[in-house]
């Protein structure tokens, strides 16, 4: 079932992703079966100027996951100050 969900996709074409012109943060980890890291890498390659940040999986270390997610979001948002 998880593979079917992941394969379903967001129903947005590569061309549409390429037209995004707003700052975009993509956060991913290697143990998300619904949103595989390869999807995040592909999005980062298609969305101009996007930032891809890899964080620890929550299943491995919840505290580290939260910390790394907060750090990634904080660093991204500080870019707008």
C-alpha atoms as a PDB file:
ATOM      1  CA  UNK A   1       0.000   0.000   0.000  1.00  0.00           C
ATOM      2  CA  UNK A   2       2.800   2.453   0.874  1.00  0.00           C
ATOM      3  CA  UNK A   3       4.454   1.831  -2.486  1.00  0.00           C
ATOM      4  CA  UNK A   4       1.174   2.607  -4.286  1.00  0.00           C
ATOM      5  CA  UNK A   5       0.793   5.855  -2.325  1.00  0.00           C
ATOM      6  CA  UNK A   6       4.383   6.890  -3.088  1.00  0.00           C
ATOM      7  CA  UNK A   7       3.982   6.055  -6.763  1.00  0.00           C
ATOM      8  CA  UNK A   8       0.763   8.080  -7.004  1.00  0.00           C
ATOM      9  CA  UNK A   9       2.621  11.401  -7.061  1.00  0.00           C
ATOM     10  CA  UNK A  10       1.391  14.955  -6.529  1.00  0.00           C
ATOM     11  CA  UNK A  11      -0.188  15.291 -10.004  1.00  0.00           C
ATOM     12  CA  UNK A  12       2.096  18.220 -10.846  1.00  0.00           C
ATOM     13  CA  UNK A  13       4.172  18.079 -14.018  1.00  0.00           C
ATOM     14  CA  UNK A  14       7.933  18.571 -14.153  1.00  0.00           C
ATOM     15  CA  UNK A  15       7.294  21.683 -16.221  1.00  0.00           C
ATOM     16  CA  UNK A  16       4.996  23.116 -13.531  1.00  0.00           C
ATOM     17  CA  UNK A  17       7.598  22.422 -10.842  1.00  0.00           C
ATOM     18  CA  UNK A  18      10.138  24.250 -12.961  1.00  0.00           C
ATOM     19  CA  UNK A  19       8.006  27.406 -12.891  1.00  0.00           C
ATOM     20  CA  UNK A  20       8.043  27.748  -9.098  1.00  0.00           C
ATOM     21  CA  UNK A  21       9.753  31.035  -8.294  1.00  0.00           C
ATOM     22  CA  UNK A  22       9.361  31.234  -4.532  1.00  0.00           C
ATOM     23  CA  UNK A  23      11.909  30.081  -1.966  1.00  0.00           C
ATOM     24  CA  UNK A  24      11.335  26.391  -1.397  1.00  0.00           C
ATOM     25  CA  UNK A  25      12.699  24.193   1.372  1.00  0.00           C
ATOM     26  CA  UNK A  26      12.586  20.444   0.901  1.00  0.00           C
ATOM     27  CA  UNK A  27      13.227  18.417   4.054  1.00  0.00           C
ATOM     28  CA  UNK A  28      13.613  14.660   3.830  1.00  0.00           C
ATOM     29  CA  UNK A  29      15.202  11.608   5.359  1.00  0.00           C
ATOM     30  CA  UNK A  30      16.098   8.172   4.103  1.00  0.00           C
ATOM     31  CA  UNK A  31      13.481   6.115   5.932  1.00  0.00           C
ATOM     32  CA  UNK A  32      10.233   7.670   4.718  1.00  0.00           C
ATOM     33  CA  UNK A  33       8.485   4.960   2.720  1.00  0.00           C
ATOM     34  CA  UNK A  34       5.662   7.220   1.525  1.00  0.00           C
ATOM     35  CA  UNK A  35       7.981  10.043   0.439  1.00  0.00           C
ATOM     36  CA  UNK A  36      11.297   8.378  -0.487  1.00  0.00           C
ATOM     37  CA  UNK A  37      14.433  10.516  -0.391  1.00  0.00           C
ATOM     38  CA  UNK A  38      14.752  10.082  -4.147  1.00  0.00           C
ATOM     39  CA  UNK A  39      11.494  12.053  -4.511  1.00  0.00           C
ATOM     40  CA  UNK A  40      12.995  14.898  -2.488  1.00  0.00           C
ATOM     41  CA  UNK A  41      16.134  14.873  -4.627  1.00  0.00           C
ATOM     42  CA  UNK A  42      14.033  14.954  -7.777  1.00  0.00           C
ATOM     43  CA  UNK A  43      11.957  17.875  -6.498  1.00  0.00           C
ATOM     44  CA  UNK A  44      15.118  19.752  -5.562  1.00  0.00           C
ATOM     45  CA  UNK A  45      16.477  19.222  -9.062  1.00  0.00           C
ATOM     46  CA  UNK A  46      13.254  20.439 -10.677  1.00  0.00           C
ATOM     47  CA  UNK A  47      12.428  23.468  -8.491  1.00  0.00           C
ATOM     48  CA  UNK A  48      14.820  26.325  -9.305  1.00  0.00           C
ATOM     49  CA  UNK A  49      16.769  27.578  -6.309  1.00  0.00           C
ATOM     50  CA  UNK A  50      15.213  25.104  -3.899  1.00  0.00           C
ATOM     51  CA  UNK A  51      17.105  23.876  -0.859  1.00  0.00           C
ATOM     52  CA  UNK A  52      17.229  20.203   0.094  1.00  0.00           C
ATOM     53  CA  UNK A  53      18.074  19.363   3.682  1.00  0.00           C
ATOM     54  CA  UNK A  54      18.518  15.806   4.925  1.00  0.00           C
ATOM     55  CA  UNK A  55      17.559  15.195   8.534  1.00  0.00           C
ATOM     56  CA  UNK A  56      17.587  12.217  10.864  1.00  0.00           C
ATOM     57  CA  UNK A  57      14.584   9.896  10.652  1.00  0.00           C
ATOM     58  CA  UNK A  58      12.142  10.242  13.544  1.00  0.00           C
ATOM     59  CA  UNK A  59      12.079   6.451  13.885  1.00  0.00           C
ATOM     60  CA  UNK A  60      15.812   6.466  14.685  1.00  0.00           C
ATOM     61  CA  UNK A  61      15.940   9.407  17.085  1.00  0.00           C
ATOM     62  CA  UNK A  62      12.873  11.557  17.713  1.00  0.00           C
ATOM     63  CA  UNK A  63      14.759  14.276  19.595  1.00  0.00           C
ATOM     64  CA  UNK A  64      17.406  14.585  16.885  1.00  0.00           C
ATOM     65  CA  UNK A  65      14.685  14.611  14.206  1.00  0.00           C
ATOM     66  CA  UNK A  66      12.878  17.507  15.899  1.00  0.00           C
ATOM     67  CA  UNK A  67      16.117  19.395  16.471  1.00  0.00           C
ATOM     68  CA  UNK A  68      17.301  18.998  12.886  1.00  0.00           C
ATOM     69  CA  UNK A  69      13.882  19.922  11.496  1.00  0.00           C
ATOM     70  CA  UNK A  70      13.776  23.075  13.651  1.00  0.00           C
ATOM     71  CA  UNK A  71      17.321  23.964  12.612  1.00  0.00           C
ATOM     72  CA  UNK A  72      16.505  23.491   8.923  1.00  0.00           C
ATOM     73  CA  UNK A  73      13.344  25.595   9.150  1.00  0.00           C
ATOM     74  CA  UNK A  74      15.075  28.246  11.248  1.00  0.00           C
ATOM     75  CA  UNK A  75      17.991  28.591   8.847  1.00  0.00           C
ATOM     76  CA  UNK A  76      15.607  28.768   5.895  1.00  0.00           C
ATOM     77  CA  UNK A  77      13.434  31.436   7.491  1.00  0.00           C
ATOM     78  CA  UNK A  78      16.425  33.503   8.667  1.00  0.00           C
ATOM     79  CA  UNK A  79      17.222  34.000   5.024  1.00  0.00           C
ATOM     80  CA  UNK A  80      14.220  36.335   4.830  1.00  0.00           C
ATOM     81  CA  UNK A  81      15.219  38.705   7.639  1.00  0.00           C
END
